[in-house]
Protein backbone atom coordinates (compact mmCIF):
# COMPACT_ATOMS: atom_id res chain seq x y z
CA MET A 1 85.64 94.01 82.41
CA LYS A 2 85.17 97.27 84.20
CA SER A 3 87.35 100.28 83.58
CA GLN A 4 87.73 103.60 85.32
CA ASP A 5 88.99 106.94 83.95
CA THR A 6 92.19 107.58 85.93
CA PRO A 7 94.26 110.79 85.75
CA PHE A 8 98.04 110.75 85.26
CA GLU A 9 100.38 113.28 86.92
CA GLY A 10 103.97 114.07 86.09
CA GLY A 11 106.15 112.87 83.22
CA PRO A 12 105.09 112.84 79.62
CA MET A 13 101.49 111.78 80.44
CA ASP A 14 100.86 114.76 82.78
CA GLY A 15 97.21 115.91 82.68
CA ARG A 16 95.88 113.00 80.62
CA VAL A 17 93.06 110.79 81.70
CA LEU A 18 92.99 107.20 80.42
CA PRO A 19 90.55 104.35 81.01
CA VAL A 20 92.31 101.72 83.15
CA LEU A 21 90.97 98.21 83.60
CA LEU A 22 90.04 97.42 87.20
CA GLY A 23 91.08 94.20 88.94
CA MET A 24 88.90 91.77 90.88
CA THR A 25 88.96 94.09 93.93
CA GLY A 26 87.72 97.04 91.88
CA HIS A 27 91.07 98.86 92.11
CA PRO A 28 93.40 99.74 89.23
CA PRO A 29 96.85 98.01 89.21
CA LYS A 30 99.53 99.38 91.55
CA THR A 31 101.90 100.12 88.69
CA TYR A 32 101.00 101.08 85.12
CA ARG A 33 103.65 100.63 82.45
CA ILE A 34 103.37 102.44 79.09
CA PRO A 35 105.72 101.31 76.32
CA VAL A 36 106.73 104.19 74.04
CA PRO A 37 108.22 103.06 70.67
CA ASP A 38 111.62 104.33 69.68
CA PRO A 39 111.55 106.44 66.49
CA ALA A 40 114.82 104.89 65.30
CA GLY A 41 113.33 101.39 65.64
CA GLY A 42 115.26 100.41 68.78
CA ARG A 43 113.92 99.08 72.06
CA PRO A 44 110.85 100.96 73.36
CA THR A 45 111.14 103.21 76.39
CA VAL A 46 108.82 102.16 79.22
CA LEU A 47 107.16 104.84 81.34
CA VAL A 48 106.28 103.64 84.85
CA TYR A 49 103.47 105.28 86.90
CA ARG A 50 102.57 104.33 90.50
CA ARG A 51 99.03 104.29 91.91
CA VAL A 52 98.41 106.74 94.74
CA PRO A 53 95.21 107.90 96.48
CA ARG A 54 93.51 110.85 94.83
CA GLY A 55 92.18 112.08 98.15
CA HIS A 56 90.64 111.09 101.46
CA SER A 57 87.25 111.71 102.93
CA ARG A 58 87.16 114.09 105.90
CA ARG A 59 85.31 112.05 108.42
CA LEU A 60 86.53 108.41 107.95
CA GLY A 61 89.67 108.95 105.95
CA LEU A 62 88.50 106.61 103.16
CA THR A 63 90.21 106.76 99.75
CA GLN A 64 88.18 108.94 97.33
CA GLY A 65 89.75 107.41 94.22
CA TRP A 66 93.09 106.74 92.57
CA LYS A 67 95.52 108.53 90.34
CA TYR A 68 98.88 107.64 88.87
CA GLU A 69 102.11 109.57 89.59
CA TYR A 70 105.20 109.30 87.36
CA ASP A 71 108.04 107.21 88.72
CA PRO A 72 111.24 108.61 87.09
CA THR A 73 113.35 105.70 88.49
CA GLY A 74 111.28 103.27 86.42
CA ARG A 75 111.36 100.61 89.08
CA GLY A 76 107.70 100.65 89.95
CA SER A 77 106.80 99.01 93.25
CA GLY A 78 110.01 97.35 94.38
CA GLY A 79 110.89 95.51 91.20
CA GLY A 80 108.01 93.02 91.47
CA ARG A 81 109.33 91.38 94.64
CA PRO A 82 107.38 91.39 97.89
CA LYS A 83 108.95 93.26 100.83
CA TRP A 84 109.06 90.69 103.58
CA PRO A 85 110.33 91.67 107.07
CA TRP A 86 113.00 88.93 106.96
CA SER A 87 114.33 89.92 103.46
CA LYS A 88 117.69 91.62 103.04
CA PRO A 89 117.40 95.31 102.20
CA ASP A 90 117.70 96.13 98.50
CA ASP A 91 120.93 98.05 97.66
CA THR A 92 119.22 100.04 94.89
CA ASP A 93 116.77 101.79 97.32
CA GLY A 94 117.71 105.37 98.14
């Protein structure tokens, strides 16, 4: 499988670059979850990072690559449910 060195911004992983496995389309996953073990032996804390474009080309506006930004809410991309136009709005948004 292919991997790509992807930078992380914000949160505890700020400034680190990790190799992330790429999917069939050649893109990293939309959300990246990192479990952090609890020192007392309890449930691990899960850090959630969202994929955002690293930059765009000047002429065509194509994505230059990807990076991950920290999501302090920990919900990721909508809780794993697709956002259909006919779905009821989620009460937890905003």
